[in-house]
Protein backbone atom coordinates (compact mmCIF):
# COMPACT_ATOMS: atom_id res chain seq x y z
CA MET A 1 -25.80 -3.88 22.28
CA HIS A 2 -22.84 -1.92 21.82
CA PRO A 3 -20.41 -3.31 18.83
CA ILE A 4 -17.03 -3.75 19.91
CA ILE A 5 -14.58 -1.39 18.52
CA PHE A 6 -11.37 -1.61 17.69
CA VAL A 7 -9.49 1.62 18.17
CA SER A 8 -5.86 2.55 15.94
CA LEU A 9 -3.99 4.50 18.37
CA GLY A 10 -1.32 5.74 15.22
CA PRO A 11 2.06 5.22 15.67
CA GLY A 12 3.13 6.25 19.05
CA GLU A 13 2.59 10.09 19.43
CA PRO A 14 -0.69 10.39 21.62
CA GLU A 15 -2.02 13.79 19.49
CA LEU A 16 -2.19 11.43 16.34
CA ILE A 17 -5.03 9.37 17.43
CA THR A 18 -8.59 10.52 15.79
CA VAL A 19 -11.01 12.42 17.66
CA LYS A 20 -13.34 9.59 16.73
CA GLY A 21 -10.98 6.86 18.30
CA LEU A 22 -10.33 9.12 21.35
CA LYS A 23 -14.29 9.09 22.32
CA ALA A 24 -14.71 5.60 22.10
CA LEU A 25 -11.67 5.09 24.55
CA GLN A 26 -12.83 7.32 26.74
CA ALA A 27 -16.37 5.94 26.66
CA ALA A 28 -15.34 2.39 26.98
CA ASP A 29 -15.82 0.10 30.03
CA SER A 30 -13.15 -2.00 29.18
CA ILE A 31 -10.17 -1.69 26.82
CA PHE A 32 -7.95 -4.56 26.05
CA CYS A 33 -4.39 -3.91 25.30
CA PRO A 34 -1.65 -5.86 24.36
CA GLU A 35 1.70 -6.05 26.53
CA THR A 36 5.28 -7.49 25.73
CA HIS A 37 6.96 -9.38 28.71
CA THR A 38 10.95 -9.34 27.88
CA LYS A 39 13.55 -11.66 28.94
CA ASP A 40 14.76 -9.58 31.30
CA GLY A 41 11.49 -9.28 33.27
CA ARG A 42 10.47 -5.99 31.89
CA ILE A 43 6.88 -5.09 30.98
CA LEU A 44 6.32 -3.08 27.81
CA SER A 45 3.15 -1.77 26.30
CA ARG A 46 3.27 1.31 23.67
CA ALA A 47 -0.30 0.73 23.40
CA ALA A 48 -0.78 1.42 27.05
CA ASP A 49 2.02 4.22 27.37
CA ILE A 50 -0.28 6.11 24.66
CA MET A 51 -3.59 5.72 26.71
CA GLN A 52 -2.02 6.75 29.87
CA GLN A 53 -0.84 10.30 28.20
CA LEU A 54 -4.32 10.44 26.89
CA ALA A 55 -5.48 10.06 30.37
CA ILE A 56 -7.31 6.89 30.29
CA PRO A 57 -8.30 5.44 33.60
CA GLU A 58 -5.84 2.06 33.93
CA SER A 59 -8.49 0.67 35.75
CA ASN A 60 -10.51 0.44 32.75
CA ILE A 61 -7.75 -1.30 30.44
CA CYS A 62 -7.56 -4.82 30.58
CA ARG A 63 -3.73 -5.84 29.39
CA PHE A 64 -3.00 -9.30 28.00
CA PRO A 65 0.71 -10.51 27.10
CA LEU A 66 1.31 -10.87 23.43
CA PRO A 67 4.09 -13.24 22.64
CA MET A 68 7.15 -11.57 20.23
CA SER A 69 7.65 -14.44 18.56
CA LYS A 70 7.67 -15.62 14.59
CA GLN A 71 5.77 -18.61 16.26
CA ARG A 72 2.49 -17.36 16.64
CA THR A 73 0.71 -20.44 18.40
CA GLN A 74 1.12 -18.40 21.32
CA ALA A 75 0.15 -14.94 19.77
CA PHE A 76 -3.53 -16.90 18.72
CA ASN A 77 -3.74 -18.39 22.33
CA ALA A 78 -3.43 -15.05 23.51
CA TYR A 79 -6.38 -13.71 21.22
CA GLU A 80 -8.36 -16.35 21.73
CA GLN A 81 -8.36 -15.49 25.25
CA VAL A 82 -9.43 -11.89 24.15
CA TYR A 83 -11.99 -13.08 22.03
CA ALA A 84 -13.74 -14.89 24.84
CA GLU A 85 -13.47 -12.05 27.34
CA ALA A 86 -14.58 -9.27 25.25
CA SER A 87 -17.32 -11.41 23.87
CA ALA A 88 -18.52 -12.14 27.56
CA LEU A 89 -18.15 -8.34 28.22
CA HIS A 90 -20.08 -7.09 25.17
CA LEU A 91 -22.94 -9.79 25.82
CA SER A 92 -23.08 -8.28 29.85
CA GLY A 93 -23.78 -5.07 27.70
CA LYS A 94 -20.48 -3.43 28.54
CA LYS A 95 -18.71 -1.23 26.03
CA VAL A 96 -15.42 -3.16 24.87
CA CYS A 97 -12.65 -1.22 23.02
CA ILE A 98 -9.90 -3.41 21.38
CA VAL A 99 -6.70 -1.33 21.04
CA ALA A 100 -3.75 -1.56 18.48
CA GLU A 101 -0.81 0.71 17.44
CA GLY A 102 -0.98 2.18 13.92
CA ASP A 103 -4.32 1.17 12.10
CA ALA A 104 -6.18 -1.99 13.15
CA GLY A 105 -6.22 -3.32 9.68
CA PHE A 106 -2.53 -2.78 8.42
CA TYR A 107 -0.37 -5.42 9.14
CA SER A 108 -1.78 -5.95 12.64
CA SER A 109 -2.12 -9.44 14.13
CA ILE A 110 -5.19 -8.46 16.25
CA TYR A 111 -7.26 -8.31 13.42
CA TYR A 112 -7.38 -12.03 13.67
CA VAL A 113 -9.84 -11.07 17.08
CA TYR A 114 -11.98 -8.69 14.60
CA GLU A 115 -12.54 -11.80 12.07
CA GLN A 116 -13.66 -13.99 14.80
CA LEU A 117 -16.11 -11.90 16.27
CA GLN A 118 -17.78 -11.22 12.68
CA ALA A 119 -17.53 -14.89 12.31
CA ASN A 120 -19.62 -15.57 15.28
CA ASP A 121 -22.10 -12.64 14.66
CA ILE A 122 -20.89 -10.20 17.32
CA PRO A 123 -21.17 -6.93 16.00
CA VAL A 124 -17.64 -5.06 15.17
CA GLU A 125 -16.15 -1.52 14.42
CA HIS A 126 -12.74 -0.51 13.21
CA ILE A 127 -11.82 3.00 13.59
CA ALA A 128 -9.05 4.04 11.34
CA GLY A 129 -5.48 5.16 12.18
CA ILE A 130 -2.43 6.62 11.03
CA PRO A 131 0.07 3.76 9.62
CA ALA A 132 3.40 4.61 11.16
CA PHE A 133 4.74 5.12 7.33
CA ILE A 134 2.47 8.28 6.82
CA ALA A 135 3.96 9.51 10.19
CA ALA A 136 7.19 8.89 9.22
CA GLY A 137 6.43 10.78 5.95
CA ALA A 138 5.69 13.93 7.30
CA LEU A 139 8.50 13.73 10.12
CA ALA A 140 11.01 13.80 7.09
CA GLY A 141 9.20 16.29 5.07
CA LEU A 142 8.63 13.60 2.26
CA HIS A 143 6.39 13.47 -0.37
CA VAL A 144 6.19 9.54 0.08
CA ALA A 145 3.98 9.10 -3.45
CA SER A 146 3.62 11.91 -6.37
CA GLN A 147 0.89 12.52 -8.75
CA GLU A 148 0.62 9.23 -10.63
CA GLU A 149 3.77 7.60 -8.76
CA ARG A 150 2.68 3.67 -7.62
CA LEU A 151 3.53 2.69 -3.93
CA THR A 152 4.33 -0.48 -3.06
CA VAL A 153 4.34 -1.58 0.72
CA ILE A 154 6.13 -4.78 1.47
CA PRO A 155 6.71 -6.80 4.81
CA GLY A 156 10.32 -7.72 5.69
CA THR A 157 10.36 -10.80 4.06
CA THR A 158 11.59 -9.09 1.12
CA THR A 159 15.35 -9.22 -0.78
CA ALA A 160 17.14 -6.91 -2.74
CA GLU A 161 16.48 -8.58 -5.61
CA GLU A 162 12.57 -7.68 -5.20
CA ILE A 163 13.51 -4.36 -4.43
CA GLU A 164 15.57 -3.80 -7.68
CA LYS A 165 12.53 -4.71 -9.61
CA LEU A 166 9.93 -2.57 -7.95
CA ILE A 167 12.28 0.27 -8.25
CA HIS A 168 12.71 -0.42 -12.16
CA GLU A 169 8.76 -0.60 -12.42
CA LYS A 170 8.91 3.26 -10.99
CA SER A 171 7.39 2.50 -7.74
CA ALA A 172 8.33 4.06 -4.44
CA ILE A 173 8.44 1.43 -1.64
CA VAL A 174 7.90 0.95 1.99
CA ILE A 175 9.07 -1.94 4.06
CA MET A 176 7.93 -2.82 7.32
CA LYS A 177 8.86 -4.74 9.76
CA LEU A 178 12.46 -3.77 8.90
CA SER A 179 14.24 -6.28 11.43
CA GLN A 180 13.49 -9.53 9.67
CA CYS A 181 15.39 -8.13 6.16
CA THR A 182 18.45 -6.53 8.02
CA ASP A 183 21.11 -8.25 5.62
CA GLU A 184 19.36 -7.68 2.58
CA ILE A 185 18.61 -4.18 2.93
CA HIS A 186 22.47 -3.86 3.77
CA ARG A 187 22.97 -5.72 0.24
CA CYS A 188 20.97 -3.77 -1.48
CA ILE A 189 22.47 -0.08 -0.04
CA CYS A 190 25.89 -1.69 -1.17
CA ARG A 191 24.38 -2.71 -4.82
CA HIS A 192 22.61 0.43 -5.37
CA PRO A 193 23.76 3.46 -3.06
CA GLU A 194 22.34 5.91 -5.85
CA TYR A 195 18.69 4.91 -4.52
CA SER A 196 17.44 7.48 -2.01
CA TYR A 197 17.01 5.88 1.70
CA HIS A 198 14.79 7.20 4.43
CA TYR A 199 14.85 4.96 7.65
CA PHE A 200 12.98 5.37 10.49
CA GLU A 201 12.50 4.20 14.08
CA ASN A 202 9.97 4.63 16.82
CA VAL A 203 8.16 6.98 14.96
CA GLY A 204 6.19 9.33 17.18
CA THR A 205 7.74 8.39 20.29
CA PRO A 206 10.72 10.51 22.47
CA ASN A 207 13.38 8.24 20.76
CA GLU A 208 12.09 8.56 17.58
CA LYS A 209 15.16 8.98 14.53
CA TYR A 210 15.20 9.54 11.22
CA LEU A 211 18.54 9.10 8.60
CA SER A 212 18.81 9.21 5.19
CA ASP A 213 22.59 8.77 4.89
CA ALA A 214 22.71 5.40 3.12
CA GLY A 215 26.15 4.57 4.80
CA GLN A 216 25.15 4.89 8.29
CA ILE A 217 21.76 3.05 7.61
CA GLY A 218 23.86 0.18 5.88
CA THR A 219 25.56 -0.23 9.33
CA LEU A 220 22.67 -0.95 11.29
CA ARG A 221 20.96 -3.56 13.27
CA PHE A 222 17.39 -2.36 12.79
CA PRO A 223 14.66 -2.65 15.75
CA TYR A 224 11.46 -4.00 15.69
CA PHE A 225 9.62 -0.74 15.12
CA SER A 226 11.42 0.33 12.36
CA LEU A 227 10.71 0.85 8.76
CA LEU A 228 12.66 2.25 5.27
CA ILE A 229 11.22 4.48 2.60
CA ILE A 230 12.96 4.04 -0.59
CA ARG A 231 12.85 5.98 -3.53
CA ILE A 232 14.51 7.12 -6.75
CA ASP A 233 14.67 11.17 -6.49
CA SER A 234 14.28 11.49 -10.25
CA PHE A 235 11.13 9.79 -10.39
C-alpha cells in the first residue's frame, strides 16, 4: 500500500514547494487541506490557494475546517476526523496526501495526525518544506545566521527578558506566532532600540510585508502570519 504523505507547501509562494512535494500532490487521489471559517462567514485556506495556483484539481482536495483558537479541543476533533478518513482511503488503496503550510514538522499542529498514523502502524512519509523564517530571510537579503553564530527559534510565548537573555548569549532570534506576544515585543523595542529588528508578515503572498524600522514595528498589532528576526549587527 502507498504511504500517507505529508506534503509541506512552503510559506505561501507556490513556486517554493519542492519538486518532490509537487509530484506527490499531482499523483494523489485525495489531498486533505485545512480551511478556516471566519466570524463574518468567509472561508480562508492559504494551503488551498497554493494548490489552486499549482493547478491541483479541486476535485482531489478534501477540505476540513480547522478552528483557529488557543483552545485546541475542536482542532484535535478535526484531526481525529482527518485521521479516520485518511486511514480508510489508505486501506482502500488510494494515494493520500495531507498538506501543511511551511514545513509539516515545524510548529505545525497537523503533526498530531502523523503521530496517530505512526502509532497505528500506518506507513507515513514527510516531505520537507521551506519554513517561513527562511523565506523571510531571503526576502530581506539577510544572512540569518553566520559562521558559528547561534540561532534560536521560539514561539510567541516569549518575554522581553527572554529576548534580552538570548541576545546576551549572542544568539540571533526568530520569533514565530508573533501575534501571541505583541506587548512583549513592543516592550523589548522600547528597552532595546539598538537591536536589529526584521519584521515580516504574509511572506510569499501578494500581501507580504517587510519592515526593519524599530519605531514602525513598535506600533503594529501583529497578524497571525507574522514573524520577527532579531539580531545584533555586531555579532
